[in-house]
Amino acid sequence: MSGDDRAVAEPDVDRYRRLLSDLDAAGADYRLIDHAPEGRTDLVSALRGHEVGHAAKCLIAMVKIGKKQTRYVLAVVPGDARVDLPAVKALLGGSYVAVADKTKAEALAGSVSGTVLPFTYHPQLELIADPALLQIPELYFNAARLDRSIALATDDYIRLAQPRLAPIAQMADSGDEGVAVPRGGVR
């Protein structure tokens, strides 16, 4: 790869390569799926040929703990569910919760919106996954790129990602953005 190519795609390429390296080193059971560029869970699930509920939907939330502490959470739920932000707030004992702003979320994730991995590589990003994911034998998610996804055995995901498991999902309504509260946050 030339220096010019690296300047354009560095964070996403690095995150993609690191994930594949980690999966290979751990002997994970996975496969790559190439598809047209897409980041919306319902549409990319159709391109990949699986039920929407088998996707790992990822959202980064900001949780205020009192007035001085802010924590960031990578919430992972089944693709046919939405992240229950009040549940995330309660789980962390927060006083306020909201979807993290796009710039902060992409910096923490190391990839652009629509390609956020269900793994965290940032020390300020806490990983919480809904236990409903354990009922799905294989999870599908974009591989830090819009045009390639990974199908990963759920057992390997849990073993490698080691998420905190907690009920943070609600069933989504048709046309829902994947968040259980408005973008303004919850006090």
C-alpha atoms as a PDB file:
ATOM      1  CA  MET A   1       0.000   0.000   0.000  1.00  0.00           C
ATOM      2  CA  SER A   2       1.355   3.405  -0.908  1.00  0.00           C
ATOM      3  CA  GLY A   3       1.737   6.255   1.562  1.00  0.00           C
ATOM      4  CA  ASP A   4      -1.110   8.122  -0.185  1.00  0.00           C
ATOM      5  CA  ASP A   5      -3.501   5.173   0.263  1.00  0.00           C
ATOM      6  CA  ARG A   6      -2.569   4.895   3.934  1.00  0.00           C
ATOM      7  CA  ALA A   7      -3.287   8.581   4.566  1.00  0.00           C
ATOM      8  CA  VAL A   8      -6.835   8.187   3.268  1.00  0.00           C
ATOM      9  CA  ALA A   9      -7.840   4.993   5.074  1.00  0.00           C
ATOM     10  CA  GLU A  10      -5.436   4.587   7.992  1.00  0.00           C
ATOM     11  CA  PRO A  11      -7.778   4.191  11.013  1.00  0.00           C
ATOM     12  CA  ASP A  12     -10.210   1.801   9.307  1.00  0.00           C
ATOM     13  CA  VAL A  13      -7.484  -0.239   7.604  1.00  0.00           C
ATOM     14  CA  ASP A  14      -5.540  -0.563  10.851  1.00  0.00           C
ATOM     15  CA  ARG A  15      -8.653  -1.640  12.782  1.00  0.00           C
ATOM     16  CA  TYR A  16      -9.593  -4.145  10.064  1.00  0.00           C
ATOM     17  CA  ARG A  17      -6.098  -5.660   9.962  1.00  0.00           C
ATOM     18  CA  ARG A  18      -5.834  -5.789  13.747  1.00  0.00           C
ATOM     19  CA  LEU A  19      -9.161  -7.579  14.044  1.00  0.00           C
ATOM     20  CA  LEU A  20      -8.240 -10.203  11.450  1.00  0.00           C
ATOM     21  CA  SER A  21      -4.847 -10.695  13.076  1.00  0.00           C
ATOM     22  CA  ASP A  22      -6.476 -11.156  16.491  1.00  0.00           C
ATOM     23  CA  LEU A  23      -9.073 -13.599  15.129  1.00  0.00           C
ATOM     24  CA  ASP A  24      -6.389 -15.630  13.339  1.00  0.00           C
ATOM     25  CA  ALA A  25      -4.075 -15.686  16.370  1.00  0.00           C
ATOM     26  CA  ALA A  26      -6.935 -16.959  18.567  1.00  0.00           C
ATOM     27  CA  GLY A  27      -8.013 -19.635  16.072  1.00  0.00           C
ATOM     28  CA  ALA A  28     -11.473 -18.082  15.756  1.00  0.00           C
ATOM     29  CA  ASP A  29     -14.115 -19.594  13.495  1.00  0.00           C
ATOM     30  CA  TYR A  30     -14.989 -16.797  11.060  1.00  0.00           C
ATOM     31  CA  ARG A  31     -15.463 -15.987   7.419  1.00  0.00           C
ATOM     32  CA  LEU A  32     -15.330 -12.799   5.358  1.00  0.00           C
ATOM     33  CA  ILE A  33     -18.257 -11.619   3.257  1.00  0.00           C
ATOM     34  CA  ASP A  34     -17.777  -9.026   0.509  1.00  0.00           C
ATOM     35  CA  HIS A  35     -20.810  -6.902  -0.410  1.00  0.00           C
ATOM     36  CA  ALA A  36     -21.828  -3.501  -1.733  1.00  0.00           C
ATOM     37  CA  PRO A  37     -20.873  -0.686   0.677  1.00  0.00           C
ATOM     38  CA  GLU A  38     -23.548  -0.347   3.381  1.00  0.00           C
ATOM     39  CA  GLY A  39     -23.579   0.517   7.079  1.00  0.00           C
ATOM     40  CA  ARG A  40     -27.265   0.282   8.013  1.00  0.00           C
ATOM     41  CA  THR A  41     -28.003  -2.967   9.850  1.00  0.00           C
ATOM     42  CA  ASP A  42     -31.209  -3.894   8.035  1.00  0.00           C
ATOM     43  CA  LEU A  43     -29.804  -3.228   4.563  1.00  0.00           C
ATOM     44  CA  VAL A  44     -26.400  -4.835   5.086  1.00  0.00           C
ATOM     45  CA  SER A  45     -28.052  -7.906   6.640  1.00  0.00           C
ATOM     46  CA  ALA A  46     -29.979  -8.392   3.387  1.00  0.00           C
ATOM     47  CA  LEU A  47     -26.758  -8.039   1.382  1.00  0.00           C
ATOM     48  CA  ARG A  48     -25.045 -10.618   3.591  1.00  0.00           C
ATOM     49  CA  GLY A  49     -28.042 -12.978   3.371  1.00  0.00           C
ATOM     50  CA  HIS A  50     -28.953 -13.466   7.035  1.00  0.00           C
ATOM     51  CA  GLU A  51     -31.729 -12.509   9.444  1.00  0.00           C
ATOM     52  CA  VAL A  52     -31.400  -8.975  10.821  1.00  0.00           C
ATOM     53  CA  GLY A  53     -31.457 -10.405  14.353  1.00  0.00           C
ATOM     54  CA  HIS A  54     -28.154 -12.194  13.687  1.00  0.00           C
ATOM     55  CA  ALA A  55     -26.287  -8.928  13.187  1.00  0.00           C
ATOM     56  CA  ALA A  56     -24.281  -7.400  16.022  1.00  0.00           C
ATOM     57  CA  LYS A  57     -25.554  -3.806  16.147  1.00  0.00           C
ATOM     58  CA  CYS A  58     -23.075  -1.446  17.806  1.00  0.00           C
ATOM     59  CA  LEU A  59     -23.662   1.969  19.350  1.00  0.00           C
ATOM     60  CA  ILE A  60     -21.341   4.166  21.385  1.00  0.00           C
ATOM     61  CA  ALA A  61     -22.980   5.946  24.299  1.00  0.00           C
ATOM     62  CA  MET A  62     -21.719   8.643  26.650  1.00  0.00           C
ATOM     63  CA  VAL A  63     -22.683   8.190  30.311  1.00  0.00           C
ATOM     64  CA  LYS A  64     -22.200  10.965  32.842  1.00  0.00           C
ATOM     65  CA  ILE A  65     -21.536   9.795  36.384  1.00  0.00           C
ATOM     66  CA  GLY A  66     -22.320  12.843  38.480  1.00  0.00           C
ATOM     67  CA  LYS A  67     -20.916  16.132  37.225  1.00  0.00           C
ATOM     68  CA  LYS A  68     -17.249  15.260  36.785  1.00  0.00           C
ATOM     69  CA  GLN A  69     -16.955  11.758  35.337  1.00  0.00           C
ATOM     70  CA  THR A  70     -17.803  10.658  31.797  1.00  0.00           C
ATOM     71  CA  ARG A  71     -17.660   7.068  30.608  1.00  0.00           C
ATOM     72  CA  TYR A  72     -18.082   5.751  27.092  1.00  0.00           C
ATOM     73  CA  VAL A  73     -19.796   2.458  26.354  1.00  0.00           C
ATOM     74  CA  LEU A  74     -19.773   0.317  23.248  1.00  0.00           C
ATOM     75  CA  ALA A  75     -23.232  -1.255  23.461  1.00  0.00           C
ATOM     76  CA  VAL A  76     -23.802  -4.367  21.333  1.00  0.00           C
ATOM     77  CA  VAL A  77     -27.292  -5.755  20.734  1.00  0.00           C
ATOM     78  CA  PRO A  78     -28.929  -8.052  18.171  1.00  0.00           C
ATOM     79  CA  GLY A  79     -29.630  -6.297  14.872  1.00  0.00           C
ATOM     80  CA  ASP A  80     -33.407  -6.444  15.301  1.00  0.00           C
ATOM     81  CA  ALA A  81     -33.205  -4.727  18.697  1.00  0.00           C
ATOM     82  CA  ARG A  82     -32.316  -1.241  19.807  1.00  0.00           C
ATOM     83  CA  VAL A  83     -29.990  -0.093  22.555  1.00  0.00           C
ATOM     84  CA  ASP A  84     -31.928   0.766  25.707  1.00  0.00           C
ATOM     85  CA  LEU A  85     -29.997   3.840  26.823  1.00  0.00           C
ATOM     86  CA  PRO A  86     -31.843   4.155  30.156  1.00  0.00           C
ATOM     87  CA  ALA A  87     -30.740   0.574  30.930  1.00  0.00           C
ATOM     88  CA  VAL A  88     -27.121   1.494  30.122  1.00  0.00           C
ATOM     89  CA  LYS A  89     -27.412   4.559  32.362  1.00  0.00           C
ATOM     90  CA  ALA A  90     -28.829   2.504  35.232  1.00  0.00           C
ATOM     91  CA  LEU A  91     -26.210  -0.222  34.800  1.00  0.00           C
ATOM     92  CA  LEU A  92     -23.395   2.306  35.243  1.00  0.00           C
ATOM     93  CA  GLY A  93     -25.141   4.348  37.931  1.00  0.00           C
ATOM     94  CA  GLY A  94     -25.160   7.334  35.616  1.00  0.00           C
ATOM     95  CA  SER A  95     -26.927  10.651  35.958  1.00  0.00           C
ATOM     96  CA  TYR A  96     -27.208  11.224  32.185  1.00  0.00           C
ATOM     97  CA  VAL A  97     -26.821   9.157  28.993  1.00  0.00           C
ATOM     98  CA  ALA A  98     -26.797  10.004  25.293  1.00  0.00           C
ATOM     99  CA  VAL A  99     -25.496   8.692  22.014  1.00  0.00           C
ATOM    100  CA  ALA A 100     -21.878   9.846  21.743  1.00  0.00           C
ATOM    101  CA  ASP A 101     -21.293  12.510  19.133  1.00  0.00           C
ATOM    102  CA  LYS A 102     -20.076  11.146  15.806  1.00  0.00           C
ATOM    103  CA  THR A 103     -16.541  12.547  16.034  1.00  0.00           C
ATOM    104  CA  LYS A 104     -15.941  11.114  19.512  1.00  0.00           C
ATOM    105  CA  ALA A 105     -17.566   7.772  18.630  1.00  0.00           C
ATOM    106  CA  GLU A 106     -15.440   7.341  15.504  1.00  0.00           C
ATOM    107  CA  ALA A 107     -12.274   8.274  17.401  1.00  0.00           C
ATOM    108  CA  LEU A 108     -13.005   5.704  20.127  1.00  0.00           C
ATOM    109  CA  ALA A 109     -14.032   3.005  17.639  1.00  0.00           C
ATOM    110  CA  GLY A 110     -11.174   3.634  15.219  1.00  0.00           C
ATOM    111  CA  SER A 111     -13.595   3.419  12.294  1.00  0.00           C
ATOM    112  CA  VAL A 112     -16.426   5.380  10.716  1.00  0.00           C
ATOM    113  CA  SER A 113     -20.093   5.129  11.655  1.00  0.00           C
ATOM    114  CA  GLY A 114     -21.686   2.023  10.191  1.00  0.00           C
ATOM    115  CA  THR A 115     -18.455   0.041  10.571  1.00  0.00           C
ATOM    116  CA  VAL A 116     -18.023   0.028  14.354  1.00  0.00           C
ATOM    117  CA  LEU A 117     -16.786  -3.363  15.514  1.00  0.00           C
ATOM    118  CA  PRO A 118     -18.347  -5.219  18.461  1.00  0.00           C
ATOM    119  CA  PHE A 119     -14.831  -5.244  19.953  1.00  0.00           C
ATOM    120  CA  THR A 120     -13.110  -2.423  21.776  1.00  0.00           C
ATOM    121  CA  TYR A 121      -9.492  -1.512  21.261  1.00  0.00           C
ATOM    122  CA  HIS A 122      -9.644   1.773  23.169  1.00  0.00           C
ATOM    123  CA  PRO A 123      -9.033   1.887  26.958  1.00  0.00           C
ATOM    124  CA  GLN A 124     -11.788   4.511  27.441  1.00  0.00           C
ATOM    125  CA  LEU A 125     -14.434   2.391  25.712  1.00  0.00           C
ATOM    126  CA  GLU A 126     -16.225  -0.178  27.889  1.00  0.00           C
ATOM    127  CA  LEU A 127     -17.834  -3.099  26.050  1.00  0.00           C
ATOM    128  CA  ILE A 128     -21.315  -4.192  27.136  1.00  0.00           C
ATOM    129  CA  ALA A 129     -23.237  -6.822  25.161  1.00  0.00           C
ATOM    130  CA  ASP A 130     -26.806  -7.959  25.611  1.00  0.00           C
ATOM    131  CA  PRO A 131     -27.135 -11.636  26.639  1.00  0.00           C
ATOM    132  CA  ALA A 132     -29.617 -12.175  23.781  1.00  0.00           C
ATOM    133  CA  LEU A 133     -26.543 -12.380  21.536  1.00  0.00           C
ATOM    134  CA  LEU A 134     -25.700 -15.704  23.194  1.00  0.00           C
ATOM    135  CA  GLN A 135     -28.760 -17.251  21.515  1.00  0.00           C
ATOM    136  CA  ILE A 136     -27.338 -16.548  18.062  1.00  0.00           C
ATOM    137  CA  PRO A 137     -24.838 -19.167  16.817  1.00  0.00           C
ATOM    138  CA  GLU A 138     -23.026 -16.801  14.450  1.00  0.00           C
ATOM    139  CA  LEU A 139     -22.781 -12.995  14.593  1.00  0.00           C
ATOM    140  CA  TYR A 140     -22.460 -10.786  11.531  1.00  0.00           C
ATOM    141  CA  PHE A 141     -20.917  -7.322  11.545  1.00  0.00           C
ATOM    142  CA  ASN A 142     -19.102  -4.907   9.247  1.00  0.00           C
ATOM    143  CA  ALA A 143     -15.357  -5.453   9.512  1.00  0.00           C
ATOM    144  CA  ALA A 144     -14.360  -1.801  10.116  1.00  0.00           C
ATOM    145  CA  ARG A 145     -15.252  -1.233   6.460  1.00  0.00           C
ATOM    146  CA  LEU A 146     -18.521  -0.720   4.618  1.00  0.00           C
ATOM    147  CA  ASP A 147     -17.808  -3.287   1.884  1.00  0.00           C
ATOM    148  CA  ARG A 148     -16.739  -6.313   3.921  1.00  0.00           C
ATOM    149  CA  SER A 149     -18.307  -8.109   6.839  1.00  0.00           C
ATOM    150  CA  ILE A 150     -17.387 -10.906   9.181  1.00  0.00           C
ATOM    151  CA  ALA A 151     -19.481 -13.866  10.234  1.00  0.00           C
ATOM    152  CA  LEU A 152     -18.017 -14.962  13.572  1.00  0.00           C
ATOM    153  CA  ALA A 153     -18.995 -17.880  15.805  1.00  0.00           C
ATOM    154  CA  THR A 154     -20.696 -16.330  18.837  1.00  0.00           C
ATOM    155  CA  ASP A 155     -18.711 -18.496  21.248  1.00  0.00           C
ATOM    156  CA  ASP A 156     -15.506 -17.095  19.763  1.00  0.00           C
ATOM    157  CA  TYR A 157     -16.871 -13.548  19.989  1.00  0.00           C
ATOM    158  CA  ILE A 158     -17.608 -13.940  23.708  1.00  0.00           C
ATOM    159  CA  ARG A 159     -14.251 -15.635  24.328  1.00  0.00           C
ATOM    160  CA  LEU A 160     -12.230 -12.975  22.511  1.00  0.00           C
ATOM    161  CA  ALA A 161     -14.163  -9.755  23.198  1.00  0.00           C
ATOM    162  CA  GLN A 162     -14.970 -10.648  26.823  1.00  0.00           C
ATOM    163  CA  PRO A 163     -17.878  -8.198  27.009  1.00  0.00           C
ATOM    164  CA  ARG A 164     -19.748  -7.371  30.173  1.00  0.00           C
ATOM    165  CA  LEU A 165     -23.079  -9.133  29.639  1.00  0.00           C
ATOM    166  CA  ALA A 166     -26.143  -7.152  30.725  1.00  0.00           C
ATOM    167  CA  PRO A 167     -29.691  -6.648  29.435  1.00  0.00           C
ATOM    168  CA  ILE A 168     -29.384  -3.466  27.344  1.00  0.00           C
ATOM    169  CA  ALA A 169     -31.613  -4.334  24.360  1.00  0.00           C
ATOM    170  CA  GLN A 170     -35.229  -3.618  23.508  1.00  0.00           C
ATOM    171  CA  MET A 171     -37.061  -4.865  20.460  1.00  0.00           C
ATOM    172  CA  ALA A 172     -36.892  -2.175  17.775  1.00  0.00           C
ATOM    173  CA  ASP A 173     -39.881  -0.727  16.002  1.00  0.00           C
ATOM    174  CA  SER A 174     -40.016  -0.637  12.219  1.00  0.00           C
ATOM    175  CA  GLY A 175     -37.943   2.284  10.928  1.00  0.00           C
ATOM    176  CA  ASP A 176     -36.199   2.716  14.292  1.00  0.00           C
ATOM    177  CA  GLU A 177     -32.654   4.082  14.350  1.00  0.00           C
ATOM    178  CA  GLY A 178     -31.556   1.559  16.950  1.00  0.00           C
ATOM    179  CA  VAL A 179     -31.744   3.795  20.026  1.00  0.00           C
ATOM    180  CA  ALA A 180     -34.461   3.589  22.676  1.00  0.00           C
ATOM    181  CA  VAL A 181     -34.431   7.332  23.413  1.00  0.00           C
ATOM    182  CA  PRO A 182     -34.095  10.540  21.419  1.00  0.00           C
ATOM    183  CA  ARG A 183     -30.586  11.781  20.639  1.00  0.00           C
ATOM    184  CA  GLY A 184     -30.957  14.478  23.298  1.00  0.00           C
ATOM    185  CA  GLY A 185     -30.148  11.970  26.017  1.00  0.00           C
ATOM    186  CA  VAL A 186     -31.773  10.893  29.266  1.00  0.00           C
ATOM    187  CA  ARG A 187     -31.408  12.519  32.645  1.00  0.00           C
END
